[in-house]
Amino acid sequence: MIYALTSPGIPDALADGSSTPAEVAAVVGVRTQLVSRLLRAAASEGILDSDRRSYSLNPFSRQLCAGGDGSLRDMVLGWRALRI
């Protein structure tokens, strides 16, 4: 789930504050229905914060944004290269 969230840049789309699934979908270029499911799942696991209408980053998911100190984004994206 973390890779699926990070790969299209969803944490970066939420970096400026909370957004609805439709707003995130427009930024990342993924269908709203798929983004909505992924955001709900991530929030249910504590990866994102949610008020049921919009989603925002928390201390963990902030580390999935590109750049910045302590970013784990490149490591997460590199997981795809592993064949386990």
Protein backbone atom coordinates (compact mmCIF):
# COMPACT_ATOMS: atom_id res chain seq x y z
CA MET A 1 0.00 0.00 0.00
CA ILE A 2 2.84 2.41 0.78
CA TYR A 3 4.33 1.89 -2.68
CA ALA A 4 0.92 2.37 -4.34
CA LEU A 5 0.46 5.61 -2.42
CA THR A 6 3.95 6.93 -3.10
CA SER A 7 4.42 5.93 -6.73
CA PRO A 8 1.94 8.38 -8.31
CA GLY A 9 3.00 11.16 -5.92
CA ILE A 10 0.00 11.25 -3.60
CA PRO A 11 2.02 12.40 -0.56
CA ASP A 12 3.40 15.28 -2.64
CA ALA A 13 -0.14 16.19 -3.72
CA LEU A 14 -1.08 16.45 -0.02
CA ALA A 15 2.04 18.36 1.02
CA ASP A 16 0.32 21.76 1.05
CA GLY A 17 -2.55 20.65 3.27
CA SER A 18 -5.66 18.51 3.31
CA SER A 19 -7.40 17.69 0.03
CA THR A 20 -10.37 15.70 -1.18
CA PRO A 21 -9.90 12.57 -3.28
CA ALA A 22 -11.03 14.49 -6.37
CA GLU A 23 -8.43 17.19 -5.78
CA VAL A 24 -5.67 14.62 -5.30
CA ALA A 25 -6.79 12.67 -8.39
CA ALA A 26 -6.63 15.82 -10.52
CA VAL A 27 -3.05 16.49 -9.40
CA VAL A 28 -1.71 12.96 -9.83
CA GLY A 29 -3.69 12.01 -12.94
CA VAL A 30 -5.37 8.91 -11.52
CA ARG A 31 -9.12 8.19 -11.53
CA THR A 32 -10.91 9.66 -8.53
CA GLN A 33 -12.50 6.34 -7.55
CA LEU A 34 -9.11 4.63 -7.33
CA VAL A 35 -7.55 7.50 -5.40
CA SER A 36 -10.48 7.53 -3.00
CA ARG A 37 -10.07 3.81 -2.24
CA LEU A 38 -6.34 4.16 -1.72
CA LEU A 39 -6.73 7.20 0.55
CA ARG A 40 -9.37 5.44 2.67
CA ALA A 41 -7.20 2.35 3.00
CA ALA A 42 -4.12 4.41 3.90
CA ALA A 43 -6.08 6.37 6.51
CA SER A 44 -7.46 3.17 8.03
CA GLU A 45 -3.88 1.95 8.54
CA GLY A 46 -2.73 5.26 10.05
CA ILE A 47 -0.60 6.21 7.05
CA LEU A 48 -2.68 9.36 6.43
CA ASP A 49 -5.00 11.47 8.56
CA SER A 50 -8.62 11.94 7.52
CA ASP A 51 -11.72 13.80 8.62
CA ARG A 52 -13.83 11.56 6.32
CA ARG A 53 -14.08 14.23 3.60
CA SER A 54 -10.45 15.14 3.10
CA TYR A 55 -7.05 13.65 3.74
CA SER A 56 -3.79 15.06 5.03
CA LEU A 57 -0.26 13.97 5.82
CA ASN A 58 0.83 12.91 9.27
CA PRO A 59 4.42 12.59 10.53
CA PHE A 60 4.84 9.16 8.88
CA SER A 61 3.40 10.03 5.46
CA ARG A 62 5.30 13.33 5.36
CA GLN A 63 8.44 11.18 4.98
CA LEU A 64 7.02 9.86 1.69
CA CYS A 65 7.23 13.28 0.00
CA ALA A 66 9.98 13.96 -2.51
CA GLY A 67 13.01 15.80 -1.19
CA GLY A 68 13.42 17.11 2.28
CA ASP A 69 15.39 15.76 5.17
CA GLY A 70 14.53 12.21 6.10
CA SER A 71 12.53 11.48 2.95
CA LEU A 72 11.92 7.77 2.45
CA ARG A 73 10.35 8.22 -1.00
CA ASP A 74 13.30 6.95 -3.04
CA MET A 75 13.72 3.92 -0.81
CA VAL A 76 10.02 3.04 -1.14
CA LEU A 77 10.11 3.44 -4.90
CA GLY A 78 13.21 1.25 -5.02
CA TRP A 79 11.25 -1.61 -3.44
CA ARG A 80 9.70 -2.28 -6.85
CA ALA A 81 13.10 -3.34 -8.14
CA LEU A 82 13.34 -6.09 -5.53
CA ARG A 83 12.18 -9.52 -6.61
CA ILE A 84 11.18 -11.34 -3.46
